[in-house]
Protein backbone atom coordinates (compact mmCIF):
# COMPACT_ATOMS: atom_id res chain seq x y z
CA MET A 1 36.42 -22.82 -57.31
CA LYS A 2 37.98 -19.92 -59.25
CA LEU A 3 39.84 -22.29 -61.64
CA PHE A 4 36.67 -24.37 -62.08
CA VAL A 5 34.60 -21.35 -63.04
CA LYS A 6 37.20 -20.08 -65.48
CA GLU A 7 37.53 -23.55 -67.17
CA VAL A 8 33.75 -24.03 -67.37
CA VAL A 9 33.58 -20.62 -69.37
CA ASN A 10 36.42 -21.69 -71.62
CA SER A 11 35.57 -25.41 -72.11
CA ILE A 12 31.83 -26.13 -71.40
CA LYS A 13 31.75 -28.68 -74.22
CA HIS A 14 34.25 -30.86 -72.42
CA ILE A 15 33.38 -30.20 -68.87
CA GLY A 16 29.62 -30.55 -68.79
CA ALA A 17 29.28 -29.16 -65.13
CA ILE A 18 28.40 -25.78 -63.69
CA ALA A 19 30.18 -26.34 -60.27
CA PRO A 20 32.82 -28.65 -58.90
CA SER A 21 31.64 -31.85 -57.44
CA SER A 22 30.70 -31.57 -53.81
CA ARG A 23 32.39 -33.60 -51.10
CA TYR A 24 28.87 -35.39 -50.61
CA LEU A 25 29.04 -36.49 -54.22
CA ALA A 26 32.74 -37.60 -53.97
CA ASN A 27 32.00 -39.49 -50.71
CA ASN A 28 29.00 -41.18 -52.25
CA ILE A 29 31.08 -42.25 -55.24
CA ILE A 30 33.75 -43.89 -53.17
CA LYS A 31 31.22 -45.75 -51.20
CA HIS A 32 31.06 -47.91 -54.29
CA ILE A 33 34.67 -48.80 -54.15
CA ASN A 34 35.74 -51.77 -51.98
CA PHE A 35 39.41 -50.54 -51.29
CA GLU A 36 41.91 -53.36 -51.18
CA ASP A 37 45.64 -53.73 -51.58
CA ASN A 38 47.17 -53.77 -55.09
CA GLN A 39 44.24 -52.44 -56.92
CA VAL A 40 44.22 -50.41 -60.09
CA ILE A 41 41.65 -47.66 -60.29
CA MET A 42 41.32 -45.53 -63.39
CA GLU A 43 39.51 -42.14 -63.30
CA PHE A 44 38.04 -40.47 -66.39
CA GLY A 45 38.05 -36.68 -65.90
CA SER A 46 39.75 -35.67 -62.78
CA GLY A 47 38.57 -32.07 -63.10
CA ASN A 48 39.68 -30.12 -60.08
CA GLY A 49 40.41 -33.20 -58.15
CA ALA A 50 37.34 -33.40 -55.85
CA ILE A 51 36.77 -37.12 -56.41
CA THR A 52 40.39 -37.85 -56.92
CA LYS A 53 41.12 -36.49 -53.35
CA GLN A 54 38.69 -38.75 -51.78
CA ILE A 55 39.99 -41.76 -53.62
CA LEU A 56 43.53 -41.13 -52.60
CA LYS A 57 42.48 -40.52 -48.90
CA GLN A 58 40.89 -44.05 -48.89
CA MET A 59 43.09 -46.01 -51.17
CA PRO A 60 45.95 -48.09 -49.77
CA SER A 61 49.45 -47.07 -50.77
CA SER A 62 49.89 -50.32 -52.53
CA SER A 63 47.20 -49.51 -54.98
CA ARG A 64 47.43 -47.21 -57.95
CA LEU A 65 45.18 -44.33 -59.26
CA ILE A 66 45.53 -43.42 -62.89
CA SER A 67 43.58 -40.35 -63.89
CA LEU A 68 42.99 -38.91 -67.42
CA GLU A 69 42.35 -35.27 -67.89
CA ILE A 70 42.29 -33.37 -71.23
CA ASN A 71 41.95 -30.02 -69.82
CA ASP A 72 45.48 -28.54 -69.27
CA PRO A 73 44.72 -26.22 -66.31
CA PHE A 74 42.95 -29.04 -64.45
CA LEU A 75 45.78 -31.48 -65.35
CA LYS A 76 48.39 -29.05 -63.91
CA HIS A 77 46.21 -28.37 -60.86
CA CYS A 78 45.98 -32.03 -59.99
CA GLN A 79 49.68 -32.75 -60.76
CA ASP A 80 50.51 -30.08 -58.25
CA LYS A 81 47.72 -30.90 -55.71
CA PHE A 82 48.42 -34.57 -55.58
CA LYS A 83 52.18 -34.85 -56.08
CA VAL A 84 52.76 -36.07 -52.62
CA TYR A 85 51.06 -39.35 -53.54
CA ASN A 86 53.39 -41.92 -55.00
CA ASN A 87 50.59 -44.00 -56.20
CA PHE A 88 48.85 -41.36 -58.28
CA GLU A 89 49.50 -40.77 -61.90
CA ILE A 90 47.66 -38.27 -64.33
CA TYR A 91 47.88 -38.24 -68.05
CA ASN A 92 46.75 -35.71 -70.63
CA HIS A 93 44.92 -38.56 -72.51
CA SER A 94 41.46 -39.03 -73.87
CA ALA A 95 39.27 -41.45 -72.11
CA ILE A 96 38.06 -42.74 -75.42
CA GLU A 97 41.53 -44.20 -75.91
CA PHE A 98 42.09 -45.36 -72.35
CA ASP A 99 43.00 -48.85 -73.51
CA SER A 100 46.13 -47.48 -75.55
CA LEU A 101 47.39 -46.00 -72.27
CA LEU A 102 46.79 -49.19 -70.21
CA LYS A 103 48.70 -51.11 -72.91
CA GLN A 104 51.59 -48.64 -72.65
CA LEU A 105 51.62 -49.03 -68.88
CA GLU A 106 51.33 -52.78 -69.32
CA ILE A 107 48.00 -53.03 -67.39
CA GLU A 108 45.59 -55.64 -68.61
CA LYS A 109 42.58 -54.94 -66.39
CA VAL A 110 41.41 -52.35 -63.79
CA ASP A 111 39.51 -53.00 -60.57
CA TYR A 112 37.37 -49.84 -60.86
CA LEU A 113 36.73 -47.15 -63.49
CA ILE A 114 35.46 -44.00 -62.03
CA SER A 115 34.04 -41.56 -64.59
CA SER A 116 33.08 -37.89 -64.57
CA LEU A 117 32.66 -37.71 -68.31
CA PRO A 118 29.64 -35.80 -69.48
CA LEU A 119 27.93 -38.73 -71.30
CA ALA A 120 24.89 -36.71 -72.16
CA ILE A 121 26.92 -34.42 -74.41
CA LEU A 122 29.35 -36.90 -75.84
CA PRO A 123 28.77 -37.99 -79.49
CA LYS A 124 27.02 -41.35 -79.81
CA ALA A 125 29.93 -42.75 -81.90
CA ASP A 126 32.32 -41.98 -79.08
CA LEU A 127 30.01 -43.42 -76.53
CA ASP A 128 29.77 -46.59 -78.56
CA VAL A 129 33.49 -46.93 -78.82
CA LEU A 130 34.10 -46.20 -75.29
CA PHE A 131 31.46 -48.53 -73.87
CA LYS A 132 32.44 -51.32 -76.15
CA LYS A 133 35.95 -51.28 -74.39
CA ILE A 134 35.13 -50.52 -70.77
CA PRO A 135 33.63 -53.98 -69.90
CA GLN A 136 36.68 -55.69 -71.43
CA TYR A 137 39.16 -53.80 -69.20
CA LEU A 138 37.44 -54.43 -65.92
CA ILE A 139 38.39 -57.39 -63.82
CA ASN A 140 35.60 -60.07 -63.38
CA ASP A 141 34.12 -58.40 -60.32
CA GLY A 142 35.21 -54.95 -61.24
CA SER A 143 32.85 -51.81 -61.44
CA PHE A 144 32.27 -48.82 -63.66
CA VAL A 145 31.03 -45.88 -61.55
CA GLN A 146 29.76 -42.84 -63.39
CA TYR A 147 27.82 -39.79 -62.11
CA GLN A 148 25.38 -37.72 -64.29
CA TYR A 149 23.02 -34.91 -63.69
CA SER A 150 20.10 -36.85 -65.46
CA LEU A 151 18.86 -40.30 -66.07
CA ASN A 152 19.10 -40.00 -69.81
CA LYS A 153 21.89 -42.68 -70.18
CA TYR A 154 20.26 -45.26 -67.84
CA LYS A 155 18.87 -47.37 -70.55
CA PHE A 156 22.17 -47.05 -72.49
CA LEU A 157 24.16 -48.32 -69.43
CA LYS A 158 21.64 -51.13 -68.87
CA SER A 159 22.33 -52.23 -72.45
CA VAL A 160 26.12 -52.47 -71.81
CA PHE A 161 26.21 -53.88 -68.27
CA ASP A 162 24.44 -56.85 -66.57
CA ASN A 163 23.74 -54.92 -63.45
CA VAL A 164 23.22 -51.13 -63.11
CA THR A 165 22.32 -49.68 -59.69
CA LEU A 166 21.37 -46.16 -59.20
CA GLY A 167 22.10 -43.66 -56.31
CA PHE A 168 21.40 -40.03 -55.82
CA THR A 169 23.19 -37.14 -54.23
CA PRO A 170 20.92 -34.11 -53.69
CA ILE A 171 23.63 -32.01 -52.02
CA ASN A 172 25.48 -31.18 -55.20
CA LEU A 173 25.03 -28.39 -57.80
CA PRO A 174 23.14 -29.75 -59.61
CA PRO A 175 21.99 -32.91 -57.64
CA ALA A 176 23.63 -35.93 -59.25
CA PHE A 177 22.74 -39.56 -60.04
CA ILE A 178 25.38 -42.19 -59.47
CA TYR A 179 25.46 -45.24 -61.68
CA LYS A 180 27.29 -48.36 -60.40
CA CYS A 181 27.69 -50.75 -63.27
CA THR A 182 29.03 -54.43 -63.09
């Protein structure tokens, strides 16, 4: 919690949260993942690892979690915290250019894309670039799962994906909406 507070003060423009994700939010997010062998799951913004931890606890060892985090203290924290997992990789890499990393790693598509990005404060140009790419890099029955603290991107996500379902986690600071997009 101490690391999170320090980084919020230092990097509020990139974090977009006032407290770490609760275990309730993390558990509600992973309910949207049908864990199977040999999957590739990508995470945008691992932060302090609250959601990462729950994914790794449920994910089979044959699957792979690739997390992106641009905040150095969070990156180092997650590298250390999850070093015991052989199927976890974390990169100091922007989510906007996730496709270039996938190409480097020789991965064509991912099964799930889990996002903690603060969509409400990202520039529209970045959102447009990012969401033009995301559907192209999901397998046919793959999902994009995003949490937000408001409904302000619901229409936007509906314009990108055929199906958007909405969930809600009241036990989080602040309460959070979960979008599952397919």
